[in-house]
């Protein structure tokens, strides 16, 4: 978010994920000659913590949020 804030205040340009640029007022997309390759988002947990109820609840919530907001992450 620091790069988005800097670009938003006029310091320069920033290479940001499109879902940040689209939701931050004052930013405009720039066409690049070559788009950077897509990246996957990973959620890691330790094996021994996967069945821990509070951790499982957070993991399940994050998975649901990313599924619900999939359109933000697609071009």
Protein backbone atom coordinates (compact mmCIF):
# COMPACT_ATOMS: atom_id res chain seq x y z
CA UNK A 1 0.00 0.00 0.00
CA UNK A 2 2.96 2.35 0.46
CA UNK A 3 3.58 2.32 -3.29
CA UNK A 4 -0.09 3.02 -3.99
CA UNK A 5 -0.06 5.92 -1.52
CA UNK A 6 3.10 7.36 -3.06
CA UNK A 7 1.69 7.13 -6.59
CA UNK A 8 -1.61 8.55 -5.42
CA UNK A 9 0.16 11.61 -3.97
CA UNK A 10 2.00 12.23 -7.25
CA UNK A 11 5.49 10.96 -6.39
CA UNK A 12 5.62 8.75 -9.47
CA UNK A 13 4.25 5.53 -10.89
CA UNK A 14 3.96 2.14 -9.21
CA UNK A 15 3.55 -1.42 -10.44
CA UNK A 16 0.53 -2.57 -8.45
CA UNK A 17 -1.90 -5.45 -8.70
CA UNK A 18 -4.91 -4.23 -10.68
CA UNK A 19 -7.30 -4.90 -7.79
CA UNK A 20 -5.44 -2.28 -5.73
CA UNK A 21 -5.28 0.23 -8.57
CA UNK A 22 -8.98 -0.17 -9.36
CA UNK A 23 -10.03 0.40 -5.77
CA UNK A 24 -7.69 3.28 -4.88
CA UNK A 25 -9.04 6.72 -5.84
CA UNK A 26 -6.68 8.90 -7.85
CA UNK A 27 -4.81 6.07 -9.59
CA UNK A 28 -5.06 5.40 -13.31
CA UNK A 29 -3.83 2.37 -15.26
CA UNK A 30 -0.78 2.64 -17.51
CA UNK A 31 -0.41 0.36 -20.50
CA UNK A 32 2.82 -1.66 -20.37
CA UNK A 33 4.57 -3.12 -23.39
CA UNK A 34 4.60 -6.46 -21.63
CA UNK A 35 2.38 -7.30 -18.73
CA UNK A 36 4.11 -8.94 -15.77
CA UNK A 37 3.33 -12.63 -15.34
CA UNK A 38 0.38 -13.49 -13.08
CA UNK A 39 1.17 -14.63 -9.57
CA UNK A 40 -0.62 -17.08 -7.38
CA UNK A 41 -1.79 -16.25 -3.89
CA UNK A 42 -0.90 -18.91 -1.35
CA UNK A 43 -2.03 -19.45 2.19
CA UNK A 44 0.36 -21.48 4.30
CA UNK A 45 -0.33 -23.15 7.61
CA UNK A 46 1.74 -25.49 9.68
CA UNK A 47 0.61 -29.09 9.52
CA UNK A 48 0.12 -29.29 13.29
CA UNK A 49 -2.12 -26.20 13.25
CA UNK A 50 -4.47 -27.16 10.41
CA UNK A 51 -7.06 -28.70 12.73
CA UNK A 52 -6.81 -25.98 15.38
CA UNK A 53 -10.29 -24.43 15.40
CA UNK A 54 -9.33 -20.71 15.49
CA UNK A 55 -6.77 -21.18 12.71
CA UNK A 56 -9.19 -23.28 10.66
CA UNK A 57 -11.84 -20.57 11.07
CA UNK A 58 -9.47 -17.88 9.74
CA UNK A 59 -8.34 -20.10 6.84
CA UNK A 60 -11.92 -20.91 5.88
CA UNK A 61 -12.90 -17.23 6.12
CA UNK A 62 -10.01 -16.12 3.89
CA UNK A 63 -10.78 -18.80 1.32
CA UNK A 64 -14.41 -17.67 1.25
CA UNK A 65 -13.50 -13.98 0.91
CA UNK A 66 -11.13 -14.67 -1.99
CA UNK A 67 -13.76 -16.86 -3.68
CA UNK A 68 -16.45 -14.19 -3.19
CA UNK A 69 -14.20 -11.42 -4.53
CA UNK A 70 -12.66 -13.42 -7.41
CA UNK A 71 -13.59 -10.69 -9.93
CA UNK A 72 -11.19 -8.29 -8.20
CA UNK A 73 -8.27 -10.60 -8.90
CA UNK A 74 -9.01 -11.41 -12.51
CA UNK A 75 -8.04 -9.13 -15.36
